Amino acid sequence: MPLFGSTPWPTFVDQPIAHQASASAVLQNSFEQALIAIGVHLALATILTGRERLLIPVLVALHVVGRIAFRLGYPAGAGARAFGMSMTYYPILLSTCLAGVLVIVRV
């Protein structure tokens, strides 16, 4: 009887490892999205003036709601987490485009 590779791990070991991998993937993705969002929000904070800056808290709220939806939908698969991913991705994309247009127009 070989010592290695002959018996699979018991199921009680697989579940914590799968849960840890899932939590790690959510954390990694959230960190990446937050890093990009912070950069875009800082760019907008330097370009926007007066009442236009009210857009930044709205973007942050969308990001938080999107990350919560992403985390809650993660165990159910890609379709379930798509709403949360779009709630963070599209505001960042549109904010980046807005910042680029405003730099061209205002500078």
C-alpha atoms as a PDB file:
ATOM      1  CA  MET A   1       0.000   0.000   0.000  1.00  0.00           C
ATOM      2  CA  PRO A   2       1.607   3.296  -1.097  1.00  0.00           C
ATOM      3  CA  LEU A   3       1.874   6.062   1.470  1.00  0.00           C
ATOM      4  CA  PHE A   4       1.166   9.014  -0.827  1.00  0.00           C
ATOM      5  CA  GLY A   5      -1.548   9.565  -3.406  1.00  0.00           C
ATOM      6  CA  SER A   6      -3.565   6.443  -2.712  1.00  0.00           C
ATOM      7  CA  THR A   7      -6.273   7.796  -0.433  1.00  0.00           C
ATOM      8  CA  PRO A   8      -8.170  11.055  -0.927  1.00  0.00           C
ATOM      9  CA  TRP A   9      -8.369  13.579   1.857  1.00  0.00           C
ATOM     10  CA  PRO A  10     -11.364  13.220   4.145  1.00  0.00           C
ATOM     11  CA  THR A  11     -14.248  15.564   3.375  1.00  0.00           C
ATOM     12  CA  PHE A  12     -13.836  17.526   6.609  1.00  0.00           C
ATOM     13  CA  VAL A  13     -10.448  18.706   5.338  1.00  0.00           C
ATOM     14  CA  ASP A  14     -11.716  19.658   1.874  1.00  0.00           C
ATOM     15  CA  GLN A  15     -14.456  21.977   3.092  1.00  0.00           C
ATOM     16  CA  PRO A  16     -12.280  24.345   5.149  1.00  0.00           C
ATOM     17  CA  ILE A  17      -9.737  24.503   2.318  1.00  0.00           C
ATOM     18  CA  ALA A  18     -12.485  25.315  -0.208  1.00  0.00           C
ATOM     19  CA  HIS A  19     -13.913  27.957   2.141  1.00  0.00           C
ATOM     20  CA  GLN A  20     -10.464  29.463   2.639  1.00  0.00           C
ATOM     21  CA  ALA A  21      -9.872  29.568  -1.126  1.00  0.00           C
ATOM     22  CA  SER A  22     -13.245  31.244  -1.618  1.00  0.00           C
ATOM     23  CA  ALA A  23     -12.562  33.839   1.086  1.00  0.00           C
ATOM     24  CA  SER A  24      -9.104  34.445  -0.352  1.00  0.00           C
ATOM     25  CA  ALA A  25     -10.512  34.995  -3.856  1.00  0.00           C
ATOM     26  CA  VAL A  26     -13.115  37.460  -2.554  1.00  0.00           C
ATOM     27  CA  LEU A  27     -10.477  39.328  -0.564  1.00  0.00           C
ATOM     28  CA  GLN A  28      -8.063  39.458  -3.515  1.00  0.00           C
ATOM     29  CA  ASN A  29     -10.734  40.729  -5.901  1.00  0.00           C
ATOM     30  CA  SER A  30     -12.032  43.279  -3.391  1.00  0.00           C
ATOM     31  CA  PHE A  31      -8.514  44.579  -2.784  1.00  0.00           C
ATOM     32  CA  GLU A  32      -7.880  44.991  -6.503  1.00  0.00           C
ATOM     33  CA  GLN A  33     -11.197  46.764  -7.061  1.00  0.00           C
ATOM     34  CA  ALA A  34     -10.683  49.025  -4.035  1.00  0.00           C
ATOM     35  CA  LEU A  35      -7.187  49.995  -5.163  1.00  0.00           C
ATOM     36  CA  ILE A  36      -8.454  51.009  -8.591  1.00  0.00           C
ATOM     37  CA  ALA A  37     -11.472  52.804  -7.111  1.00  0.00           C
ATOM     38  CA  ILE A  38      -9.321  54.803  -4.693  1.00  0.00           C
ATOM     39  CA  GLY A  39      -7.120  55.986  -7.550  1.00  0.00           C
ATOM     40  CA  VAL A  40     -10.088  57.015  -9.668  1.00  0.00           C
ATOM     41  CA  HIS A  41     -11.817  58.720  -6.731  1.00  0.00           C
ATOM     42  CA  LEU A  42      -8.673  60.686  -5.945  1.00  0.00           C
ATOM     43  CA  ALA A  43      -8.413  61.742  -9.579  1.00  0.00           C
ATOM     44  CA  LEU A  44     -12.038  62.871  -9.547  1.00  0.00           C
ATOM     45  CA  ALA A  45     -11.517  64.699  -6.245  1.00  0.00           C
ATOM     46  CA  THR A  46      -8.821  66.822  -7.878  1.00  0.00           C
ATOM     47  CA  ILE A  47     -10.829  67.519 -11.046  1.00  0.00           C
ATOM     48  CA  LEU A  48     -14.397  67.992  -9.779  1.00  0.00           C
ATOM     49  CA  THR A  49     -15.417  71.307  -8.264  1.00  0.00           C
ATOM     50  CA  GLY A  50     -18.096  72.402  -5.807  1.00  0.00           C
ATOM     51  CA  ARG A  51     -21.293  70.385  -5.907  1.00  0.00           C
ATOM     52  CA  GLU A  52     -19.805  68.008  -8.473  1.00  0.00           C
ATOM     53  CA  ARG A  53     -17.831  66.425  -5.658  1.00  0.00           C
ATOM     54  CA  LEU A  54     -21.056  64.929  -4.318  1.00  0.00           C
ATOM     55  CA  LEU A  55     -20.488  62.273  -6.981  1.00  0.00           C
ATOM     56  CA  ILE A  56     -17.632  60.764  -4.950  1.00  0.00           C
ATOM     57  CA  PRO A  57     -19.726  59.591  -1.943  1.00  0.00           C
ATOM     58  CA  VAL A  58     -22.261  58.146  -4.384  1.00  0.00           C
ATOM     59  CA  LEU A  59     -19.494  56.201  -6.109  1.00  0.00           C
ATOM     60  CA  VAL A  60     -18.186  54.958  -2.758  1.00  0.00           C
ATOM     61  CA  ALA A  61     -21.704  53.826  -1.761  1.00  0.00           C
ATOM     62  CA  LEU A  62     -22.073  51.952  -5.065  1.00  0.00           C
ATOM     63  CA  HIS A  63     -18.712  50.313  -4.445  1.00  0.00           C
ATOM     64  CA  VAL A  64     -19.662  49.177  -0.942  1.00  0.00           C
ATOM     65  CA  VAL A  65     -23.047  47.817  -2.068  1.00  0.00           C
ATOM     66  CA  GLY A  66     -21.351  46.060  -4.985  1.00  0.00           C
ATOM     67  CA  ARG A  67     -18.729  44.426  -2.804  1.00  0.00           C
ATOM     68  CA  ILE A  68     -21.363  43.192  -0.357  1.00  0.00           C
ATOM     69  CA  ALA A  69     -23.443  41.770  -3.219  1.00  0.00           C
ATOM     70  CA  PHE A  70     -20.310  40.179  -4.704  1.00  0.00           C
ATOM     71  CA  ARG A  71     -19.441  38.519  -1.398  1.00  0.00           C
ATOM     72  CA  LEU A  72     -22.960  37.253  -0.809  1.00  0.00           C
ATOM     73  CA  GLY A  73     -23.225  35.891  -4.345  1.00  0.00           C
ATOM     74  CA  TYR A  74     -19.770  34.342  -4.512  1.00  0.00           C
ATOM     75  CA  PRO A  75     -20.661  30.869  -3.192  1.00  0.00           C
ATOM     76  CA  ALA A  76     -23.480  30.514  -5.745  1.00  0.00           C
ATOM     77  CA  GLY A  77     -21.214  30.965  -8.769  1.00  0.00           C
ATOM     78  CA  ALA A  78     -20.382  33.497 -11.450  1.00  0.00           C
ATOM     79  CA  GLY A  79     -23.963  34.386 -12.319  1.00  0.00           C
ATOM     80  CA  ALA A  80     -24.800  35.232  -8.731  1.00  0.00           C
ATOM     81  CA  ARG A  81     -21.783  37.444  -8.222  1.00  0.00           C
ATOM     82  CA  ALA A  82     -22.144  39.268 -11.552  1.00  0.00           C
ATOM     83  CA  PHE A  83     -24.420  41.948 -10.082  1.00  0.00           C
ATOM     84  CA  GLY A  84     -21.883  42.808  -7.390  1.00  0.00           C
ATOM     85  CA  MET A  85     -19.030  42.825  -9.874  1.00  0.00           C
ATOM     86  CA  SER A  86     -20.912  45.154 -12.211  1.00  0.00           C
ATOM     87  CA  MET A  87     -21.812  47.461  -9.314  1.00  0.00           C
ATOM     88  CA  THR A  88     -18.097  48.023  -8.780  1.00  0.00           C
ATOM     89  CA  TYR A  89     -16.713  47.724 -12.312  1.00  0.00           C
ATOM     90  CA  TYR A  90     -19.012  50.015 -14.289  1.00  0.00           C
ATOM     91  CA  PRO A  91     -18.894  53.004 -11.911  1.00  0.00           C
ATOM     92  CA  ILE A  92     -15.094  52.761 -11.943  1.00  0.00           C
ATOM     93  CA  LEU A  93     -15.055  52.560 -15.744  1.00  0.00           C
ATOM     94  CA  LEU A  94     -17.426  55.508 -16.175  1.00  0.00           C
ATOM     95  CA  SER A  95     -15.549  57.535 -13.549  1.00  0.00           C
ATOM     96  CA  THR A  96     -12.281  56.920 -15.352  1.00  0.00           C
ATOM     97  CA  CYS A  97     -13.838  58.096 -18.619  1.00  0.00           C
ATOM     98  CA  LEU A  98     -15.322  61.142 -16.864  1.00  0.00           C
ATOM     99  CA  ALA A  99     -11.965  62.021 -15.332  1.00  0.00           C
ATOM    100  CA  GLY A 100     -10.274  61.726 -18.718  1.00  0.00           C
ATOM    101  CA  VAL A 101     -12.847  63.909 -20.440  1.00  0.00           C
ATOM    102  CA  LEU A 102     -12.710  66.519 -17.692  1.00  0.00           C
ATOM    103  CA  VAL A 103      -8.921  66.662 -17.846  1.00  0.00           C
ATOM    104  CA  ILE A 104      -9.114  67.324 -21.575  1.00  0.00           C
ATOM    105  CA  VAL A 105     -11.926  69.867 -21.302  1.00  0.00           C
ATOM    106  CA  ARG A 106     -10.805  71.780 -18.203  1.00  0.00           C
ATOM    107  CA  VAL A 107      -7.057  71.853 -18.644  1.00  0.00           C
END
